[in-house]
Structures are given as structure tokens and as C-alpha cells.
């Protein structure tokens, strides 16, 4: 058993230093290389920022054209609505005007014949005193 422990110990002694030598050393990076890589990164970032700015400008342009189109459409729609309301008002006035004229003419005729109507009513009332049929008709129409 002692021999086994000695053999295992020797194998371990041989393998442990080889594990340490298995790590590969990275080459040293100089300060100049670090600075060069950083400047390349900064240039790349600046290029990306320029591209982003171009895209934002394009979007701003699109939004401004969209806004002008919307303003034009709203102006056209407002003009159409105002024209439609104006047409409706004009049409109503032109349609009502003949009726107003007829009503005024009838009112004038009634005003001219008012005295004749009163005289006719008085005549019918006096006739109703002697004729019962006339009295019934006048009562039926609430004229007596």
C-alpha cells in the first residue's frame, strides 16, 4: 500500500507543474495599441451617430410633409362643410320665400275683406233669429 501512495504522489508531482505550464501567456498589449483601438471605436461610434442623425432628419422631413398634408386636408374639409351649410341656408331661404309671399297676400286679402266678413257674420246672426237651420250651423262652428 505504501508503494501505491508513493506512485500516486509521484504522478501528482509530475502532473501539477504541467497544469501550471498549460496556461498560455497572452502577449503584452502596448499602450499605443490600446489608444489606436480606442480611437477606432470612437470613430465607429461617431459614424453610427451620424447615421442616426441622418435618419432622424429624414423622419423629421416625413413628419413635416405629413403635417402639411393633414393641414391641407383639414382646410379642404372645413371649406366643404362651410359650403354645404351655406348651400342649405340659401336653399331654405329660396324655398320659403314663395310661401312667405303667398301668406302675405292672403293676410292682405283678409285685412281688406275683414269688414265684409264682419258684415256677413252680422247678417247671418240676424238671419239665425228667424231661421233655426242657420242658427244650428252657426252654433256648430261656434260663431253664435
Protein backbone atom coordinates (compact mmCIF):
# COMPACT_ATOMS: atom_id res chain seq x y z
CA UNK A 1 0.00 0.00 0.00
CA UNK A 2 2.92 2.26 0.70
CA UNK A 3 4.14 1.77 -2.78
CA UNK A 4 0.77 2.80 -4.18
CA UNK A 5 0.82 6.02 -2.22
CA UNK A 6 4.34 6.76 -3.38
CA UNK A 7 3.38 6.11 -7.00
CA UNK A 8 0.29 8.33 -6.74
CA UNK A 9 2.38 11.03 -5.10
CA UNK A 10 5.00 10.89 -7.86
CA UNK A 11 2.33 11.05 -10.56
CA UNK A 12 0.72 14.02 -8.80
CA UNK A 13 4.09 15.75 -8.51
CA UNK A 14 4.69 15.28 -12.19
CA UNK A 15 1.19 16.46 -13.28
CA UNK A 16 0.75 19.52 -11.04
CA UNK A 17 3.61 21.53 -12.58
CA UNK A 18 2.40 20.59 -16.06
CA UNK A 19 -1.04 22.05 -15.27
CA UNK A 20 0.62 25.31 -14.36
CA UNK A 21 2.55 25.32 -17.64
CA UNK A 22 -0.66 24.64 -19.59
CA UNK A 23 -1.78 28.27 -19.15
CA UNK A 24 -0.75 30.24 -22.17
CA UNK A 25 0.53 33.71 -21.58
CA UNK A 26 -1.16 36.47 -23.57
CA UNK A 27 1.08 38.77 -25.47
CA UNK A 28 1.53 42.15 -23.89
CA UNK A 29 -0.59 44.88 -25.40
CA UNK A 30 1.19 48.17 -25.53
CA UNK A 31 -0.40 51.48 -24.63
CA UNK A 32 -0.15 52.62 -28.22
CA UNK A 33 -2.24 49.65 -29.42
CA UNK A 34 -4.85 50.38 -26.75
CA UNK A 35 -5.05 54.01 -27.84
CA UNK A 36 -5.33 53.00 -31.52
CA UNK A 37 -8.18 50.59 -30.79
CA UNK A 38 -9.98 53.19 -28.68
CA UNK A 39 -9.72 55.78 -31.46
CA UNK A 40 -11.13 53.25 -33.95
CA UNK A 41 -14.01 52.59 -31.57
CA UNK A 42 -14.67 56.30 -31.18
CA UNK A 43 -14.64 56.79 -34.97
CA UNK A 44 -17.10 53.92 -35.35
CA UNK A 45 -19.37 55.44 -32.72
CA UNK A 46 -19.22 58.81 -34.46
CA UNK A 47 -20.15 57.18 -37.78
CA UNK A 48 -23.11 55.45 -36.11
CA UNK A 49 -24.21 58.75 -34.56
CA UNK A 50 -24.00 60.49 -37.95
CA UNK A 51 -26.16 57.75 -39.49
CA UNK A 52 -28.69 58.06 -36.67
CA UNK A 53 -28.79 61.85 -37.18
CA UNK A 54 -29.45 61.36 -40.90
CA UNK A 55 -32.32 59.00 -40.16
CA UNK A 56 -33.82 61.40 -37.62
CA UNK A 57 -33.61 64.23 -40.16
CA UNK A 58 -35.38 62.04 -42.72
CA UNK A 59 -38.10 61.24 -40.17
CA UNK A 60 -38.48 64.94 -39.34
CA UNK A 61 -38.89 65.67 -43.03
CA UNK A 62 -41.54 62.98 -43.36
CA UNK A 63 -43.41 64.29 -40.34
CA UNK A 64 -43.36 67.84 -41.67
CA UNK A 65 -44.75 66.74 -45.05
CA UNK A 66 -47.38 64.65 -43.28
CA UNK A 67 -48.32 67.65 -41.16
CA UNK A 68 -48.71 69.88 -44.23
CA UNK A 69 -50.88 67.25 -45.91
CA UNK A 70 -53.06 66.98 -42.82
CA UNK A 71 -53.40 70.78 -42.66
CA UNK A 72 -54.44 70.88 -46.31
CA UNK A 73 -56.96 68.09 -45.83
CA UNK A 74 -58.49 69.77 -42.78
CA UNK A 75 -58.74 73.07 -44.69
CA UNK A 76 -60.43 71.35 -47.63
CA UNK A 77 -62.84 69.53 -45.31
CA UNK A 78 -63.68 72.77 -43.49
CA UNK A 79 -64.32 74.55 -46.80
CA UNK A 80 -66.61 71.75 -47.96
CA UNK A 81 -68.58 71.83 -44.70
CA UNK A 82 -68.96 75.62 -44.82
CA UNK A 83 -70.06 75.47 -48.47
CA UNK A 84 -72.60 72.76 -47.66
CA UNK A 85 -74.05 74.74 -44.75
CA UNK A 86 -74.21 77.88 -46.93
CA UNK A 87 -75.97 75.97 -49.68
CA UNK A 88 -78.50 74.55 -47.20
CA UNK A 89 -79.27 78.02 -45.81
CA UNK A 90 -79.58 79.51 -49.31
CA UNK A 91 -81.85 76.66 -50.43
CA UNK A 92 -84.12 77.05 -47.40
CA UNK A 93 -84.47 80.78 -47.96
CA UNK A 94 -85.29 80.40 -51.62
CA UNK A 95 -87.77 77.63 -50.87
CA UNK A 96 -89.54 79.50 -48.05
CA UNK A 97 -89.73 82.86 -49.87
CA UNK A 98 -92.65 81.89 -52.19
CA UNK A 99 -94.65 80.63 -49.19
CA UNK A 100 -93.98 83.87 -47.33
CA UNK A 101 -95.23 85.83 -50.34
CA UNK A 102 -98.42 83.75 -50.52
CA UNK A 103 -99.08 84.15 -46.78
CA UNK A 104 -98.59 87.93 -47.02
CA UNK A 105 -101.01 88.08 -49.95
CA UNK A 106 -103.62 86.08 -48.04
CA UNK A 107 -103.17 88.28 -44.96
CA UNK A 108 -103.67 91.38 -47.10
CA UNK A 109 -106.80 89.89 -48.69
CA UNK A 110 -108.19 89.03 -45.26
CA UNK A 111 -107.38 92.51 -43.96
CA UNK A 112 -109.17 94.09 -46.93
CA UNK A 113 -112.21 91.82 -46.58
CA UNK A 114 -112.42 91.95 -42.76
CA UNK A 115 -115.21 94.46 -42.78
CA UNK A 116 -117.10 92.39 -45.33
CA UNK A 117 -116.70 89.28 -43.16
CA UNK A 118 -118.00 91.09 -40.09
CA UNK A 119 -120.97 92.35 -42.08
CA UNK A 120 -121.65 88.82 -43.34
CA UNK A 121 -121.49 87.42 -39.79
CA UNK A 122 -123.87 90.09 -38.54
CA UNK A 123 -126.25 89.26 -41.38
CA UNK A 124 -126.12 85.54 -40.55
CA UNK A 125 -126.71 86.23 -36.87
CA UNK A 126 -129.78 88.32 -37.65
CA UNK A 127 -130.98 85.59 -40.03
CA UNK A 128 -130.45 82.96 -37.34
CA UNK A 129 -133.06 84.70 -35.18
CA UNK A 130 -135.73 83.76 -37.71
CA UNK A 131 -134.24 80.59 -39.27
CA UNK A 132 -133.32 77.71 -36.98
CA UNK A 133 -131.17 75.89 -39.57
CA UNK A 134 -128.87 78.90 -39.84
CA UNK A 135 -128.76 79.10 -36.02
CA UNK A 136 -127.71 75.43 -35.82
CA UNK A 137 -124.94 75.92 -38.36
CA UNK A 138 -123.61 78.99 -36.55
CA UNK A 139 -123.68 77.13 -33.20
CA UNK A 140 -121.91 74.17 -34.78
CA UNK A 141 -119.00 76.42 -35.84
CA UNK A 142 -119.07 78.48 -32.59
CA UNK A 143 -119.99 81.66 -34.38
CA UNK A 144 -123.07 82.45 -32.35
